[in-house]
Amino acid sequence: MERVERTSKVITARDLGLVACLRCAQAWPRETERCGRCGHRLILRDDKSLQRVAAYWLLGFACYIPANLYPMLKTETLLSVQEATIVGGAIEFIYYGSYSIALIILFASVVIPLAKFMAIAFLAVSVVRPSSTAPHQRQVLYEVVEYIGRWSMIDIFVVAIMSALVQLNSLASVHPGIASLFFALSVIFTMLSAQAFDSRMIWDVQDQREGTQT
């Protein structure tokens, strides 16, 4: 017996004569110039999406390196001045037995940023070269990266709160280090890189492959 495999063609908004807003995902007729919900300009496809993704990605990664090399916090007391990097601060928490706090710092400041860099790079490469990952899974990955992006500034908020609270005149004070600036820039450029990615290209590539197979 012959085995017959059927592939269901993905119907996109463009096939139906519609264009989706990249900001709020509302679909409108193709001739519509601006979204009636959020006012964002509507385009069928962003031809320069990958160029902007690569540019913002490189800037974000370039800022992430000094963010881990330079001190994030600077603590001044009457007797000494202490500076701590992100990883150095986590190691210090481990030394004093605060394993949970150290784990949170490493996860939020090291694991998540590196995972975002790898995820964005994978998504950009997957629309240029063949990928074995299903389009739906890549779309979910993109939405996860977008969702995590809004929580990426939590480290900067913690540094700002500590700097504002720990000001004991001449006894002790906490100041943000230069790494906080680089870390904030890295987060901003990474968010811009994720937002510059046109996720509709994932489904365009799948549609082109299905067309070549038929």
N, C-alpha and C. Protein backbone atom coordinates (compact mmCIF):
# COMPACT_ATOMS: atom_id res chain seq x y z
N MET A 1 0.84 -1.20 0.00
CA MET A 1 0.00 0.00 0.00
C MET A 1 0.87 1.24 0.00
N GLU A 2 0.42 2.22 -0.74
CA GLU A 2 1.14 3.47 -0.76
C GLU A 2 0.64 4.37 0.35
N ARG A 3 1.56 5.04 0.96
CA ARG A 3 1.21 5.96 2.05
C ARG A 3 1.10 7.37 1.48
N VAL A 4 -0.06 7.95 1.63
CA VAL A 4 -0.33 9.27 1.09
C VAL A 4 -0.27 10.27 2.23
N GLU A 5 0.63 11.25 2.12
CA GLU A 5 0.76 12.29 3.13
C GLU A 5 0.17 13.58 2.61
N ARG A 6 -0.63 14.20 3.42
CA ARG A 6 -1.28 15.44 3.05
C ARG A 6 -0.73 16.58 3.90
N THR A 7 -0.42 17.65 3.24
CA THR A 7 0.07 18.84 3.92
C THR A 7 -0.95 19.95 3.77
N SER A 8 -1.36 20.51 4.87
CA SER A 8 -2.34 21.60 4.83
C SER A 8 -1.61 22.92 4.67
N LYS A 9 -1.99 23.66 3.64
CA LYS A 9 -1.36 24.94 3.34
C LYS A 9 -1.80 25.97 4.38
N VAL A 10 -0.84 26.74 4.84
CA VAL A 10 -1.13 27.78 5.83
C VAL A 10 -1.74 28.98 5.11
N ILE A 11 -2.91 29.38 5.56
CA ILE A 11 -3.59 30.54 4.99
C ILE A 11 -3.20 31.76 5.80
N THR A 12 -2.53 32.70 5.13
CA THR A 12 -2.08 33.90 5.80
C THR A 12 -3.06 35.04 5.57
N ALA A 13 -2.87 36.12 6.33
CA ALA A 13 -3.72 37.29 6.16
C ALA A 13 -3.53 37.90 4.78
N ARG A 14 -2.33 37.81 4.24
CA ARG A 14 -2.07 38.35 2.90
C ARG A 14 -2.84 37.58 1.84
N ASP A 15 -3.00 36.26 2.03
CA ASP A 15 -3.78 35.46 1.09
C ASP A 15 -5.25 35.88 1.08
N LEU A 16 -5.72 36.39 2.21
CA LEU A 16 -7.12 36.80 2.33
C LEU A 16 -7.32 38.28 2.00
N GLY A 17 -6.27 38.94 1.54
CA GLY A 17 -6.39 40.35 1.21
C GLY A 17 -6.37 41.25 2.44
N LEU A 18 -5.74 40.80 3.51
CA LEU A 18 -5.69 41.56 4.75
C LEU A 18 -4.24 41.86 5.12
N VAL A 19 -4.07 42.83 5.97
CA VAL A 19 -2.76 43.17 6.52
C VAL A 19 -2.92 43.32 8.03
N ALA A 20 -2.01 42.71 8.77
CA ALA A 20 -2.10 42.72 10.23
C ALA A 20 -1.18 43.80 10.79
N CYS A 21 -1.64 44.44 11.85
CA CYS A 21 -0.84 45.46 12.52
C CYS A 21 0.23 44.77 13.36
N LEU A 22 1.47 45.22 13.23
CA LEU A 22 2.56 44.61 13.97
C LEU A 22 2.53 44.98 15.45
N ARG A 23 1.80 46.03 15.79
CA ARG A 23 1.78 46.48 17.18
C ARG A 23 0.66 45.83 17.97
N CYS A 24 -0.58 45.80 17.42
CA CYS A 24 -1.71 45.26 18.18
C CYS A 24 -2.33 44.02 17.54
N ALA A 25 -1.80 43.58 16.38
CA ALA A 25 -2.22 42.35 15.70
C ALA A 25 -3.63 42.43 15.10
N GLN A 26 -4.22 43.60 15.03
CA GLN A 26 -5.53 43.75 14.42
C GLN A 26 -5.40 43.67 12.90
N ALA A 27 -6.29 42.94 12.25
CA ALA A 27 -6.26 42.77 10.79
C ALA A 27 -7.16 43.80 10.12
N TRP A 28 -6.68 44.35 9.00
CA TRP A 28 -7.41 45.35 8.24
C TRP A 28 -7.31 45.04 6.76
N PRO A 29 -8.20 45.61 5.94
CA PRO A 29 -8.07 45.43 4.49
C PRO A 29 -6.71 45.92 3.99
N ARG A 30 -6.22 45.31 2.93
CA ARG A 30 -4.85 45.57 2.47
C ARG A 30 -4.61 47.02 2.11
N GLU A 31 -5.62 47.72 1.63
CA GLU A 31 -5.41 49.11 1.22
C GLU A 31 -5.38 50.08 2.38
N THR A 32 -5.64 49.61 3.61
CA THR A 32 -5.61 50.48 4.78
C THR A 32 -4.18 50.90 5.08
N GLU A 33 -3.96 52.19 5.32
CA GLU A 33 -2.61 52.70 5.55
C GLU A 33 -2.23 52.70 7.03
N ARG A 34 -3.18 52.99 7.91
CA ARG A 34 -2.88 53.04 9.35
C ARG A 34 -3.92 52.24 10.13
N CYS A 35 -3.46 51.65 11.22
CA CYS A 35 -4.34 50.84 12.06
C CYS A 35 -5.35 51.74 12.76
N GLY A 36 -6.63 51.37 12.66
CA GLY A 36 -7.67 52.16 13.30
C GLY A 36 -7.72 52.00 14.80
N ARG A 37 -7.00 51.00 15.35
CA ARG A 37 -6.99 50.77 16.79
C ARG A 37 -5.86 51.53 17.49
N CYS A 38 -4.63 51.40 16.97
CA CYS A 38 -3.48 52.02 17.65
C CYS A 38 -2.80 53.10 16.83
N GLY A 39 -3.18 53.26 15.56
CA GLY A 39 -2.59 54.30 14.73
C GLY A 39 -1.25 53.94 14.11
N HIS A 40 -0.79 52.69 14.27
CA HIS A 40 0.49 52.28 13.71
C HIS A 40 0.38 52.11 12.20
N ARG A 41 1.47 52.46 11.48
CA ARG A 41 1.46 52.33 10.03
C ARG A 41 1.46 50.86 9.63
N LEU A 42 0.63 50.51 8.67
CA LEU A 42 0.46 49.13 8.24
C LEU A 42 1.32 48.86 7.01
N ILE A 43 2.07 47.79 7.04
CA ILE A 43 2.88 47.35 5.91
C ILE A 43 2.70 45.85 5.74
N LEU A 44 2.75 45.40 4.47
CA LEU A 44 2.60 43.97 4.22
C LEU A 44 3.79 43.19 4.78
N ARG A 45 4.98 43.64 4.43
CA ARG A 45 6.19 43.02 4.95
C ARG A 45 7.26 44.09 5.13
N ASP A 46 8.06 43.93 6.18
CA ASP A 46 9.15 44.85 6.46
C ASP A 46 10.41 44.30 5.80
N ASP A 47 10.80 44.90 4.67
CA ASP A 47 11.94 44.39 3.91
C ASP A 47 13.27 44.58 4.64
N LYS A 48 13.34 45.56 5.54
CA LYS A 48 14.59 45.83 6.24
C LYS A 48 14.56 45.31 7.68
N SER A 49 13.69 44.37 7.93
CA SER A 49 13.54 43.85 9.28
C SER A 49 14.81 43.18 9.78
N LEU A 50 15.38 42.27 8.98
CA LEU A 50 16.55 41.53 9.42
C LEU A 50 17.76 42.42 9.61
N GLN A 51 17.87 43.49 8.79
CA GLN A 51 19.00 44.41 8.96
C GLN A 51 18.93 45.13 10.30
N ARG A 52 17.73 45.56 10.68
CA ARG A 52 17.57 46.23 11.97
C ARG A 52 17.74 45.26 13.12
N VAL A 53 17.26 44.04 12.94
CA VAL A 53 17.45 43.02 13.98
C VAL A 53 18.94 42.79 14.24
N ALA A 54 19.71 42.65 13.17
CA ALA A 54 21.15 42.40 13.32
C ALA A 54 21.86 43.60 13.95
N ALA A 55 21.48 44.81 13.54
CA ALA A 55 22.13 46.00 14.07
C ALA A 55 21.87 46.16 15.57
N TYR A 56 20.60 46.05 15.97
CA TYR A 56 20.27 46.17 17.39
C TYR A 56 20.85 45.02 18.20
N TRP A 57 20.89 43.83 17.60
CA TRP A 57 21.43 42.66 18.31
C TRP A 57 22.91 42.87 18.61
N LEU A 58 23.66 43.34 17.63
CA LEU A 58 25.09 43.57 17.83
C LEU A 58 25.34 44.66 18.86
N LEU A 59 24.55 45.72 18.81
CA LEU A 59 24.71 46.79 19.81
C LEU A 59 24.39 46.27 21.21
N GLY A 60 23.32 45.48 21.33
CA GLY A 60 22.95 44.93 22.63
C GLY A 60 24.01 44.00 23.18
N PHE A 61 24.57 43.14 22.31
CA PHE A 61 25.59 42.21 22.78
C PHE A 61 26.89 42.94 23.12
N ALA A 62 27.20 44.00 22.36
CA ALA A 62 28.39 44.79 22.65
C ALA A 62 28.29 45.48 24.00
N CYS A 63 27.08 45.91 24.36
CA CYS A 63 26.88 46.55 25.67
C CYS A 63 26.82 45.52 26.80
N TYR A 64 26.42 44.30 26.48
CA TYR A 64 26.29 43.28 27.52
C TYR A 64 27.65 42.84 28.05
N ILE A 65 28.68 42.89 27.21
CA ILE A 65 30.02 42.46 27.66
C ILE A 65 30.57 43.37 28.77
N PRO A 66 30.62 44.70 28.58
CA PRO A 66 31.08 45.54 29.70
C PRO A 66 30.13 45.55 30.88
N ALA A 67 28.86 45.23 30.65
CA ALA A 67 27.91 45.17 31.76
C ALA A 67 28.29 44.08 32.75
N ASN A 68 29.00 43.06 32.28
CA ASN A 68 29.44 41.98 33.17
C ASN A 68 30.87 42.14 33.63
N LEU A 69 31.63 43.01 32.98
CA LEU A 69 33.03 43.21 33.35
C LEU A 69 33.21 44.33 34.37
N TYR A 70 32.40 45.37 34.25
CA TYR A 70 32.52 46.52 35.15
C TYR A 70 31.59 46.34 36.36
N PRO A 71 31.84 47.07 37.44
CA PRO A 71 31.01 46.92 38.65
C PRO A 71 29.59 47.45 38.45
N MET A 72 28.64 46.71 39.00
CA MET A 72 27.24 47.11 38.96
C MET A 72 26.88 48.00 40.14
N LEU A 73 27.48 47.73 41.30
CA LEU A 73 27.22 48.51 42.51
C LEU A 73 28.55 48.96 43.13
N LYS A 74 28.53 50.13 43.70
CA LYS A 74 29.69 50.67 44.41
C LYS A 74 29.26 51.07 45.81
N THR A 75 29.79 50.39 46.82
CA THR A 75 29.41 50.64 48.21
C THR A 75 30.56 51.37 48.92
N GLU A 76 30.25 52.53 49.45
CA GLU A 76 31.25 53.35 50.14
C GLU A 76 30.92 53.41 51.63
N THR A 77 31.89 53.10 52.46
CA THR A 77 31.76 53.21 53.91
C THR A 77 32.92 54.07 54.44
N LEU A 78 32.96 54.22 55.76
CA LEU A 78 34.02 55.01 56.36
C LEU A 78 35.39 54.38 56.18
N LEU A 79 35.43 53.06 56.10
CA LEU A 79 36.70 52.36 56.08
C LEU A 79 37.10 51.84 54.71
N SER A 80 36.14 51.63 53.84
CA SER A 80 36.49 50.99 52.57
C SER A 80 35.49 51.36 51.47
N VAL A 81 35.88 51.04 50.26
CA VAL A 81 35.03 51.18 49.08
C VAL A 81 35.01 49.82 48.37
N GLN A 82 33.83 49.28 48.20
CA GLN A 82 33.68 47.96 47.58
C GLN A 82 32.90 48.09 46.28
N GLU A 83 33.39 47.39 45.26
CA GLU A 83 32.72 47.35 43.96
C GLU A 83 32.43 45.90 43.61
N ALA A 84 31.25 45.66 43.08
CA ALA A 84 30.83 44.29 42.78
C ALA A 84 30.22 44.21 41.39
N THR A 85 30.69 43.24 40.62
CA THR A 85 30.07 42.96 39.33
C THR A 85 28.83 42.10 39.54
N ILE A 86 28.13 41.78 38.46
CA ILE A 86 26.92 40.96 38.58
C ILE A 86 27.27 39.58 39.11
N VAL A 87 28.22 38.92 38.47
CA VAL A 87 28.60 37.57 38.90
C VAL A 87 29.30 37.63 40.25
N GLY A 88 30.13 38.65 40.47
CA GLY A 88 30.81 38.79 41.75
C GLY A 88 29.84 38.98 42.91
N GLY A 89 28.79 39.75 42.67
CA GLY A 89 27.77 39.91 43.71
C GLY A 89 27.06 38.62 44.01
N ALA A 90 26.77 37.81 42.97
CA ALA A 90 26.12 36.52 43.18
C ALA A 90 27.03 35.58 43.97
N ILE A 91 28.32 35.59 43.66
CA ILE A 91 29.27 34.75 44.39
C ILE A 91 29.35 35.18 45.86
N GLU A 92 29.26 36.47 46.09
CA GLU A 92 29.31 36.95 47.47
C GLU A 92 28.08 36.50 48.25
N PHE A 93 26.91 36.51 47.60
CA PHE A 93 25.70 36.01 48.26
C PHE A 93 25.83 34.52 48.57
N ILE A 94 26.45 33.77 47.66
CA ILE A 94 26.67 32.34 47.92
C ILE A 94 27.60 32.15 49.11
N TYR A 95 28.62 33.00 49.21
CA TYR A 95 29.58 32.92 50.31
C TYR A 95 28.89 33.11 51.66
N TYR A 96 27.89 33.99 51.70
CA TYR A 96 27.18 34.25 52.95
C TYR A 96 25.96 33.34 53.14
N GLY A 97 25.77 32.39 52.23
CA GLY A 97 24.70 31.41 52.40
C GLY A 97 23.37 31.80 51.80
N SER A 98 23.28 32.91 51.08
CA SER A 98 22.02 33.34 50.46
C SER A 98 21.94 32.75 49.05
N TYR A 99 21.72 31.46 48.99
CA TYR A 99 21.73 30.76 47.70
C TYR A 99 20.57 31.17 46.81
N SER A 100 19.41 31.39 47.39
CA SER A 100 18.24 31.74 46.58
C SER A 100 18.43 33.10 45.90
N ILE A 101 18.96 34.07 46.64
CA ILE A 101 19.19 35.40 46.06
C ILE A 101 20.24 35.31 44.95
N ALA A 102 21.29 34.55 45.18
CA ALA A 102 22.32 34.39 44.17
C ALA A 102 21.76 33.73 42.92
N LEU A 103 20.88 32.75 43.10
CA LEU A 103 20.27 32.08 41.96
C LEU A 103 19.40 33.03 41.16
N ILE A 104 18.65 33.88 41.86
CA ILE A 104 17.79 34.85 41.17
C ILE A 104 18.65 35.83 40.37
N ILE A 105 19.74 36.30 40.97
CA ILE A 105 20.62 37.26 40.27
C ILE A 105 21.22 36.63 39.01
N LEU A 106 21.72 35.40 39.15
CA LEU A 106 22.32 34.74 37.99
C LEU A 106 21.29 34.45 36.91
N PHE A 107 20.09 34.06 37.32
CA PHE A 107 19.05 33.73 36.35
C PHE A 107 18.56 34.97 35.62
N ALA A 108 18.33 36.06 36.36
CA ALA A 108 17.78 37.28 35.76
C ALA A 108 18.81 38.08 34.98
N SER A 109 20.08 38.02 35.41
CA SER A 109 21.10 38.88 34.81
C SER A 109 22.03 38.17 33.85
N VAL A 110 22.07 36.84 33.89
CA VAL A 110 22.97 36.10 33.03
C VAL A 110 22.22 35.14 32.12
N VAL A 111 21.41 34.27 32.72
CA VAL A 111 20.74 33.22 31.93
C VAL A 111 19.73 33.83 30.96
N ILE A 112 18.83 34.67 31.46
CA ILE A 112 17.78 35.23 30.61
C ILE A 112 18.35 36.11 29.49
N PRO A 113 19.27 37.05 29.77
CA PRO A 113 19.82 37.84 28.66
C PRO A 113 20.51 36.99 27.59
N LEU A 114 21.31 36.00 28.00
CA LEU A 114 21.97 35.14 27.02
C LEU A 114 20.95 34.33 26.23
N ALA A 115 19.91 33.86 26.91
CA ALA A 115 18.87 33.10 26.21
C ALA A 115 18.14 33.97 25.19
N LYS A 116 17.91 35.24 25.54
CA LYS A 116 17.26 36.16 24.59
C LYS A 116 18.14 36.40 23.37
N PHE A 117 19.44 36.57 23.59
CA PHE A 117 20.35 36.76 22.46
C PHE A 117 20.32 35.55 21.53
N MET A 118 20.37 34.36 22.10
CA MET A 118 20.37 33.15 21.28
C MET A 118 19.03 32.96 20.58
N ALA A 119 17.92 33.28 21.26
CA ALA A 119 16.60 33.11 20.65
C ALA A 119 16.40 34.05 19.48
N ILE A 120 16.79 35.32 19.64
CA ILE A 120 16.64 36.29 18.55
C ILE A 120 17.51 35.90 17.36
N ALA A 121 18.75 35.49 17.64
CA ALA A 121 19.64 35.06 16.57
C ALA A 121 19.07 33.84 15.84
N PHE A 122 18.52 32.90 16.58
CA PHE A 122 17.94 31.71 15.97
C PHE A 122 16.74 32.08 15.08
N LEU A 123 15.88 32.96 15.55
CA LEU A 123 14.71 33.36 14.77
C LEU A 123 15.13 34.06 13.48
N ALA A 124 16.14 34.91 13.56
CA ALA A 124 16.59 35.63 12.37
C ALA A 124 17.21 34.67 11.35
N VAL A 125 18.01 33.72 11.84
CA VAL A 125 18.65 32.77 10.93
C VAL A 125 17.63 31.80 10.35
N SER A 126 16.58 31.47 11.12
CA SER A 126 15.61 30.46 10.67
C SER A 126 14.79 30.92 9.48
N VAL A 127 14.70 32.23 9.25
CA VAL A 127 13.94 32.70 8.08
C VAL A 127 14.85 32.88 6.86
N VAL A 128 16.15 32.63 7.05
CA VAL A 128 17.09 32.72 5.94
C VAL A 128 17.55 31.34 5.51
N ARG A 129 17.80 30.46 6.49
CA ARG A 129 18.24 29.11 6.21
C ARG A 129 17.18 28.11 6.68
N PRO A 130 17.16 26.92 6.07
CA PRO A 130 16.17 25.91 6.47
C PRO A 130 16.30 25.54 7.94
N SER A 131 15.16 25.38 8.60
CA SER A 131 15.12 25.02 10.02
C SER A 131 14.17 23.86 10.22
N SER A 132 14.57 22.94 11.09
CA SER A 132 13.72 21.78 11.39
C SER A 132 12.66 22.11 12.44
N THR A 133 12.74 23.28 13.05
CA THR A 133 11.76 23.68 14.05
C THR A 133 10.48 24.16 13.37
N ALA A 134 9.35 23.70 13.85
CA ALA A 134 8.06 24.04 13.25
C ALA A 134 7.80 25.54 13.36
N PRO A 135 7.08 26.13 12.38
CA PRO A 135 6.78 27.57 12.43
C PRO A 135 6.01 27.97 13.68
N HIS A 136 5.08 27.09 14.12
CA HIS A 136 4.30 27.42 15.31
C HIS A 136 5.21 27.53 16.54
N GLN A 137 6.18 26.64 16.64
CA GLN A 137 7.10 26.69 17.77
C GLN A 137 7.97 27.94 17.73
N ARG A 138 8.38 28.35 16.55
CA ARG A 138 9.17 29.57 16.41
C ARG A 138 8.34 30.81 16.74
N GLN A 139 7.06 30.77 16.37
CA GLN A 139 6.17 31.88 16.70
C GLN A 139 6.00 31.99 18.21
N VAL A 140 5.84 30.85 18.87
CA VAL A 140 5.71 30.85 20.33
C VAL A 140 7.00 31.37 20.97
N LEU A 141 8.14 30.96 20.43
CA LEU A 141 9.43 31.45 20.96
C LEU A 141 9.53 32.96 20.82
N TYR A 142 9.09 33.49 19.70
CA TYR A 142 9.12 34.94 19.50
C TYR A 142 8.23 35.66 20.51
N GLU A 143 7.04 35.13 20.75
CA GLU A 143 6.13 35.75 21.71
C GLU A 143 6.68 35.67 23.14
N VAL A 144 7.39 34.59 23.46
CA VAL A 144 8.00 34.48 24.79
C VAL A 144 9.09 35.53 24.96
N VAL A 145 9.92 35.72 23.92
CA VAL A 145 10.97 36.74 23.98
C VAL A 145 10.36 38.12 24.14
N GLU A 146 9.29 38.38 23.43
CA GLU A 146 8.61 39.67 23.53
C GLU A 146 8.05 39.88 24.94
N TYR A 147 7.50 38.83 25.53
CA TYR A 147 6.91 38.95 26.86
C TYR A 147 7.98 39.17 27.93
N ILE A 148 9.09 38.45 27.81
CA ILE A 148 10.15 38.58 28.81
C ILE A 148 10.79 39.96 28.74
N GLY A 149 10.78 40.57 27.58
CA GLY A 149 11.45 41.85 27.41
C GLY A 149 10.97 42.93 28.36
N ARG A 150 9.70 42.90 28.73
CA ARG A 150 9.17 43.94 29.61
C ARG A 150 9.65 43.79 31.05
N TRP A 151 10.20 42.61 31.41
CA TRP A 151 10.71 42.39 32.76
C TRP A 151 12.23 42.46 32.83
N SER A 152 12.87 42.81 31.74
CA SER A 152 14.33 42.76 31.69
C SER A 152 14.99 43.88 32.47
N MET A 153 14.26 44.91 32.83
CA MET A 153 14.84 46.04 33.54
C MET A 153 14.81 45.87 35.06
N ILE A 154 14.45 44.69 35.54
CA ILE A 154 14.30 44.51 36.99
C ILE A 154 15.62 44.73 37.71
N ASP A 155 16.74 44.37 37.08
CA ASP A 155 18.05 44.59 37.72
C ASP A 155 18.33 46.07 37.92
N ILE A 156 18.00 46.87 36.92
CA ILE A 156 18.22 48.31 37.01
C ILE A 156 17.33 48.92 38.09
N PHE A 157 16.10 48.43 38.21
CA PHE A 157 15.19 48.93 39.25
C PHE A 157 15.74 48.61 40.64
N VAL A 158 16.30 47.41 40.81
CA VAL A 158 16.86 47.03 42.10
C VAL A 158 18.04 47.93 42.45
N VAL A 159 18.92 48.20 41.49
CA VAL A 159 20.07 49.07 41.73
C VAL A 159 19.60 50.49 42.08
N ALA A 160 18.59 50.98 41.38
CA ALA A 160 18.09 52.33 41.66
C ALA A 160 17.47 52.42 43.05
N ILE A 161 16.71 51.38 43.44
CA ILE A 161 16.07 51.39 44.76
C ILE A 161 17.12 51.33 45.87
N MET A 162 18.12 50.46 45.70
CA MET A 162 19.17 50.36 46.71
C MET A 162 19.96 51.66 46.81
N SER A 163 20.23 52.30 45.69
CA SER A 163 20.97 53.56 45.72
C SER A 163 20.19 54.65 46.42
N ALA A 164 18.85 54.59 46.30
CA ALA A 164 18.02 55.61 46.94
C ALA A 164 17.84 55.35 48.44
N LEU A 165 17.80 54.07 48.83
CA LEU A 165 17.51 53.73 50.23
C LEU A 165 18.76 53.76 51.10
N VAL A 166 19.87 53.22 50.57
CA VAL A 166 21.08 53.11 51.38
C VAL A 166 21.92 54.37 51.21
N GLN A 167 21.52 55.42 51.87
CA GLN A 167 22.28 56.67 51.90
C GLN A 167 22.34 57.14 53.35
N LEU A 168 23.35 56.69 54.08
CA LEU A 168 23.49 56.98 55.50
C LEU A 168 24.54 58.06 55.73
N ASN A 169 24.37 59.15 55.02
CA ASN A 169 25.29 60.29 55.13
C ASN A 169 26.73 59.84 54.92
N SER A 170 27.57 60.06 55.91
CA SER A 170 28.99 59.72 55.77
C SER A 170 29.29 58.29 56.20
N LEU A 171 28.32 57.58 56.77
CA LEU A 171 28.56 56.22 57.25
C LEU A 171 28.63 55.22 56.10
N ALA A 172 27.64 55.24 55.24
CA ALA A 172 27.61 54.28 54.13
C ALA A 172 26.70 54.81 53.02
N SER A 173 27.03 54.48 51.81
CA SER A 173 26.22 54.88 50.66
C SER A 173 26.44 53.88 49.54
N VAL A 174 25.41 53.72 48.73
CA VAL A 174 25.46 52.81 47.59
C VAL A 174 25.20 53.60 46.32
N HIS A 175 26.04 53.40 45.34
CA HIS A 175 25.91 54.11 44.07
C HIS A 175 25.92 53.10 42.92
N PRO A 176 25.15 53.37 41.89
CA PRO A 176 25.20 52.47 40.73
C PRO A 176 26.53 52.58 40.01
N GLY A 177 27.04 51.45 39.56
CA GLY A 177 28.29 51.43 38.82
C GLY A 177 28.06 51.65 37.34
N ILE A 178 29.16 51.75 36.60
CA ILE A 178 29.06 52.00 35.17
C ILE A 178 28.40 50.83 34.44
N ALA A 179 28.47 49.64 35.05
CA ALA A 179 27.86 48.47 34.41
C ALA A 179 26.35 48.60 34.32
N SER A 180 25.73 49.34 35.24
CA SER A 180 24.28 49.51 35.20
C SER A 180 23.85 50.24 33.93
N LEU A 181 24.66 51.21 33.50
CA LEU A 181 24.36 51.92 32.25
C LEU A 181 24.47 50.99 31.06
N PHE A 182 25.55 50.20 31.00
CA PHE A 182 25.71 49.27 29.88
C PHE A 182 24.63 48.19 29.90
N PHE A 183 24.24 47.75 31.09
CA PHE A 183 23.20 46.72 31.18
C PHE A 183 21.86 47.28 30.69
N ALA A 184 21.55 48.51 31.07
CA ALA A 184 20.30 49.13 30.61
C ALA A 184 20.30 49.31 29.09
N LEU A 185 21.43 49.74 28.53
CA LEU A 185 21.52 49.88 27.08
C LEU A 185 21.39 48.52 26.39
N SER A 186 21.99 47.48 26.98
CA SER A 186 21.89 46.15 26.40
C SER A 186 20.44 45.68 26.37
N VAL A 187 19.71 45.91 27.46
CA VAL A 187 18.30 45.52 27.51
C VAL A 187 17.48 46.28 26.48
N ILE A 188 17.73 47.58 26.35
CA ILE A 188 16.98 48.40 25.40
C ILE A 188 17.23 47.94 23.97
N PHE A 189 18.50 47.73 23.61
CA PHE A 189 18.81 47.30 22.25
C PHE A 189 18.28 45.90 21.97
N THR A 190 18.28 45.03 22.97
CA THR A 190 17.72 43.69 22.77
C THR A 190 16.22 43.74 22.54
N MET A 191 15.52 44.60 23.28
CA MET A 191 14.09 44.76 23.08
C MET A 191 13.80 45.33 21.69
N LEU A 192 14.60 46.31 21.25
CA LEU A 192 14.42 46.87 19.91
C LEU A 192 14.69 45.82 18.84
N SER A 193 15.67 44.95 19.08
CA SER A 193 15.97 43.90 18.13
C SER A 193 14.81 42.92 17.99
N ALA A 194 14.20 42.56 19.13
CA ALA A 194 13.05 41.65 19.08
C ALA A 194 11.85 42.31 18.41
N GLN A 195 11.63 43.59 18.68
CA GLN A 195 10.51 44.29 18.08
C GLN A 195 10.71 44.53 16.58
N ALA A 196 11.98 44.62 16.14
CA ALA A 196 12.25 44.83 14.72
C ALA A 196 12.02 43.57 13.89
N PHE A 197 11.98 42.42 14.53
CA PHE A 197 11.79 41.17 13.81
C PHE A 197 10.34 41.04 13.35
N ASP A 198 10.15 40.87 12.06
CA ASP A 198 8.81 40.68 11.49
C ASP A 198 8.49 39.19 11.52
N SER A 199 7.71 38.77 12.50
CA SER A 199 7.44 37.33 12.68
C SER A 199 6.64 36.73 11.52
N ARG A 200 6.04 37.56 10.69
CA ARG A 200 5.29 37.03 9.56
C ARG A 200 6.21 36.34 8.56
N MET A 201 7.50 36.67 8.60
CA MET A 201 8.44 36.01 7.69
C MET A 201 8.57 34.53 8.00
N ILE A 202 8.30 34.14 9.24
CA ILE A 202 8.34 32.71 9.59
C ILE A 202 7.36 31.92 8.74
N TRP A 203 6.16 32.46 8.61
CA TRP A 203 5.12 31.77 7.84
C TRP A 203 5.32 31.94 6.34
N ASP A 204 5.97 33.03 5.92
CA ASP A 204 6.27 33.20 4.50
C ASP A 204 7.24 32.13 4.02
N VAL A 205 8.25 31.84 4.83
CA VAL A 205 9.22 30.81 4.48
C VAL A 205 8.55 29.45 4.39
N GLN A 206 7.65 29.16 5.33
CA GLN A 206 6.93 27.89 5.31
C GLN A 206 6.06 27.80 4.06
N ASP A 207 5.42 28.90 3.69
CA ASP A 207 4.56 28.91 2.50
C ASP A 207 5.39 28.69 1.24
N GLN A 208 6.59 29.28 1.18
CA GLN A 208 7.45 29.09 0.02
C GLN A 208 7.93 27.66 -0.09
N ARG A 209 8.22 27.02 1.03
CA ARG A 209 8.68 25.63 1.00
C ARG A 209 7.57 24.69 0.56
N GLU A 210 6.35 24.98 1.03
CA GLU A 210 5.22 24.15 0.62
C GLU A 210 4.94 24.32 -0.87
N GLY A 211 5.19 25.55 -1.39
CA GLY A 211 4.98 25.79 -2.81
C GLY A 211 5.97 25.06 -3.68
N THR A 212 7.23 24.96 -3.20
CA THR A 212 8.24 24.25 -3.98
C THR A 212 8.05 22.73 -3.95
N GLN A 213 7.40 22.22 -2.89
CA GLN A 213 7.18 20.78 -2.76
C GLN A 213 6.01 20.31 -3.62
N THR A 214 5.07 21.20 -3.92
CA THR A 214 3.89 20.80 -4.69
C THR A 214 4.13 20.90 -6.19
